[in-house]
Amino acid sequence: MSQDQKLQQEEIDSIKMIQSQKIKLNEELAAITLAEFELKTRKQAAENFYNSLKEAEKSIAAELQTKYGFQKVHLNLETGDITEA
């Protein structure tokens, strides 16, 4: 029968340090995954906002074309002048 042996304290400390670092790595990877999810959510919200702005822009352009009869217009927002471009 083999005789029981014990690890030296230095060996135990090294193994514990590696285990602790693995836990920290897992926590960091979880934080990165969460940050990626949050970034994806923010990006989607920005894309949705951009699309709504484009739709509003198209809508007002169509209204101005109908009202003033111009296909392309030049707007001076300071004076309110609208001319055909």
C-alpha atoms as a PDB file:
ATOM      1  CA  MET A   1       0.000   0.000   0.000  1.00  0.00           C
ATOM      2  CA  SER A   2       1.246   3.449  -0.807  1.00  0.00           C
ATOM      3  CA  GLN A   3       1.998   5.886   1.876  1.00  0.00           C
ATOM      4  CA  ASP A   4      -0.113   9.083   2.171  1.00  0.00           C
ATOM      5  CA  GLN A   5       1.739  12.164   1.074  1.00  0.00           C
ATOM      6  CA  LYS A   6       0.994  15.813   1.643  1.00  0.00           C
ATOM      7  CA  LEU A   7       1.432  18.760  -0.627  1.00  0.00           C
ATOM      8  CA  GLN A   8       3.814  21.444   0.447  1.00  0.00           C
ATOM      9  CA  GLN A   9       2.261  24.777   1.394  1.00  0.00           C
ATOM     10  CA  GLU A  10       3.873  26.440  -1.620  1.00  0.00           C
ATOM     11  CA  GLU A  11       2.170  23.916  -3.925  1.00  0.00           C
ATOM     12  CA  ILE A  12      -1.190  24.455  -2.224  1.00  0.00           C
ATOM     13  CA  ASP A  13      -0.791  28.226  -2.537  1.00  0.00           C
ATOM     14  CA  SER A  14       0.073  27.948  -6.237  1.00  0.00           C
ATOM     15  CA  ILE A  15      -3.013  25.808  -6.928  1.00  0.00           C
ATOM     16  CA  LYS A  16      -5.230  28.162  -4.914  1.00  0.00           C
ATOM     17  CA  MET A  17      -3.829  31.136  -6.835  1.00  0.00           C
ATOM     18  CA  ILE A  18      -4.649  29.475 -10.162  1.00  0.00           C
ATOM     19  CA  GLN A  19      -8.178  28.652  -8.962  1.00  0.00           C
ATOM     20  CA  SER A  20      -8.644  32.245  -7.830  1.00  0.00           C
ATOM     21  CA  GLN A  21      -7.418  33.550 -11.181  1.00  0.00           C
ATOM     22  CA  LYS A  22      -9.819  31.217 -13.011  1.00  0.00           C
ATOM     23  CA  ILE A  23     -12.704  32.629 -10.970  1.00  0.00           C
ATOM     24  CA  LYS A  24     -11.611  36.178 -11.823  1.00  0.00           C
ATOM     25  CA  LEU A  25     -11.331  35.209 -15.500  1.00  0.00           C
ATOM     26  CA  ASN A  26     -14.850  33.767 -15.474  1.00  0.00           C
ATOM     27  CA  GLU A  27     -16.149  36.956 -13.850  1.00  0.00           C
ATOM     28  CA  GLU A  28     -14.372  39.070 -16.469  1.00  0.00           C
ATOM     29  CA  LEU A  29     -15.751  36.968 -19.330  1.00  0.00           C
ATOM     30  CA  ALA A  30     -19.251  37.292 -17.869  1.00  0.00           C
ATOM     31  CA  ALA A  31     -18.821  41.064 -17.615  1.00  0.00           C
ATOM     32  CA  ILE A  32     -17.605  41.218 -21.221  1.00  0.00           C
ATOM     33  CA  THR A  33     -20.581  39.162 -22.396  1.00  0.00           C
ATOM     34  CA  LEU A  34     -22.957  41.468 -20.544  1.00  0.00           C
ATOM     35  CA  ALA A  35     -21.251  44.547 -22.007  1.00  0.00           C
ATOM     36  CA  GLU A  36     -21.547  43.050 -25.502  1.00  0.00           C
ATOM     37  CA  PHE A  37     -25.259  42.428 -24.926  1.00  0.00           C
ATOM     38  CA  GLU A  38     -25.777  45.982 -23.679  1.00  0.00           C
ATOM     39  CA  LEU A  39     -23.844  47.353 -26.655  1.00  0.00           C
ATOM     40  CA  LYS A  40     -25.931  45.269 -29.049  1.00  0.00           C
ATOM     41  CA  THR A  41     -29.106  46.583 -27.399  1.00  0.00           C
ATOM     42  CA  ARG A  42     -27.880  50.194 -27.645  1.00  0.00           C
ATOM     43  CA  LYS A  43     -26.859  49.690 -31.270  1.00  0.00           C
ATOM     44  CA  GLN A  44     -30.294  48.305 -32.123  1.00  0.00           C
ATOM     45  CA  ALA A  45     -31.954  51.264 -30.410  1.00  0.00           C
ATOM     46  CA  ALA A  46     -29.745  53.687 -32.362  1.00  0.00           C
ATOM     47  CA  GLU A  47     -30.549  51.905 -35.634  1.00  0.00           C
ATOM     48  CA  ASN A  48     -34.268  52.094 -34.846  1.00  0.00           C
ATOM     49  CA  PHE A  49     -33.949  55.802 -34.061  1.00  0.00           C
ATOM     50  CA  TYR A  50     -32.000  56.378 -37.283  1.00  0.00           C
ATOM     51  CA  ASN A  51     -34.696  54.566 -39.275  1.00  0.00           C
ATOM     52  CA  SER A  52     -37.447  56.652 -37.668  1.00  0.00           C
ATOM     53  CA  LEU A  53     -35.520  59.839 -38.510  1.00  0.00           C
ATOM     54  CA  LYS A  54     -35.169  58.711 -42.130  1.00  0.00           C
ATOM     55  CA  GLU A  55     -38.911  58.019 -42.291  1.00  0.00           C
ATOM     56  CA  ALA A  56     -39.699  61.450 -40.809  1.00  0.00           C
ATOM     57  CA  GLU A  57     -37.338  63.034 -43.321  1.00  0.00           C
ATOM     58  CA  LYS A  58     -39.027  61.217 -46.223  1.00  0.00           C
ATOM     59  CA  SER A  59     -42.457  62.180 -44.919  1.00  0.00           C
ATOM     60  CA  ILE A  60     -41.702  65.889 -44.635  1.00  0.00           C
ATOM     61  CA  ALA A  61     -39.989  65.853 -48.047  1.00  0.00           C
ATOM     62  CA  ALA A  62     -43.123  64.318 -49.584  1.00  0.00           C
ATOM     63  CA  GLU A  63     -45.325  66.898 -47.840  1.00  0.00           C
ATOM     64  CA  LEU A  64     -43.174  69.767 -49.116  1.00  0.00           C
ATOM     65  CA  GLN A  65     -43.128  68.348 -52.650  1.00  0.00           C
ATOM     66  CA  THR A  66     -46.918  68.066 -52.623  1.00  0.00           C
ATOM     67  CA  LYS A  67     -47.461  71.499 -51.107  1.00  0.00           C
ATOM     68  CA  TYR A  68     -44.929  73.465 -53.165  1.00  0.00           C
ATOM     69  CA  GLY A  69     -44.709  71.315 -56.309  1.00  0.00           C
ATOM     70  CA  PHE A  70     -40.916  71.078 -56.342  1.00  0.00           C
ATOM     71  CA  GLN A  71     -39.149  67.779 -56.908  1.00  0.00           C
ATOM     72  CA  LYS A  72     -35.944  68.971 -55.256  1.00  0.00           C
ATOM     73  CA  VAL A  73     -35.867  71.937 -52.966  1.00  0.00           C
ATOM     74  CA  HIS A  74     -33.430  74.240 -51.311  1.00  0.00           C
ATOM     75  CA  LEU A  75     -34.499  75.292 -47.829  1.00  0.00           C
ATOM     76  CA  ASN A  76     -33.266  78.262 -45.896  1.00  0.00           C
ATOM     77  CA  LEU A  77     -34.312  77.498 -42.346  1.00  0.00           C
ATOM     78  CA  GLU A  78     -33.231  80.936 -41.165  1.00  0.00           C
ATOM     79  CA  THR A  79     -35.634  82.809 -43.464  1.00  0.00           C
ATOM     80  CA  GLY A  80     -38.147  80.059 -44.250  1.00  0.00           C
ATOM     81  CA  ASP A  81     -37.512  80.466 -47.985  1.00  0.00           C
ATOM     82  CA  ILE A  82     -38.050  77.421 -50.169  1.00  0.00           C
ATOM     83  CA  THR A  83     -36.864  77.342 -53.782  1.00  0.00           C
ATOM     84  CA  GLU A  84     -36.539  74.684 -56.409  1.00  0.00           C
ATOM     85  CA  ALA A  85     -33.050  73.254 -56.493  1.00  0.00           C
END
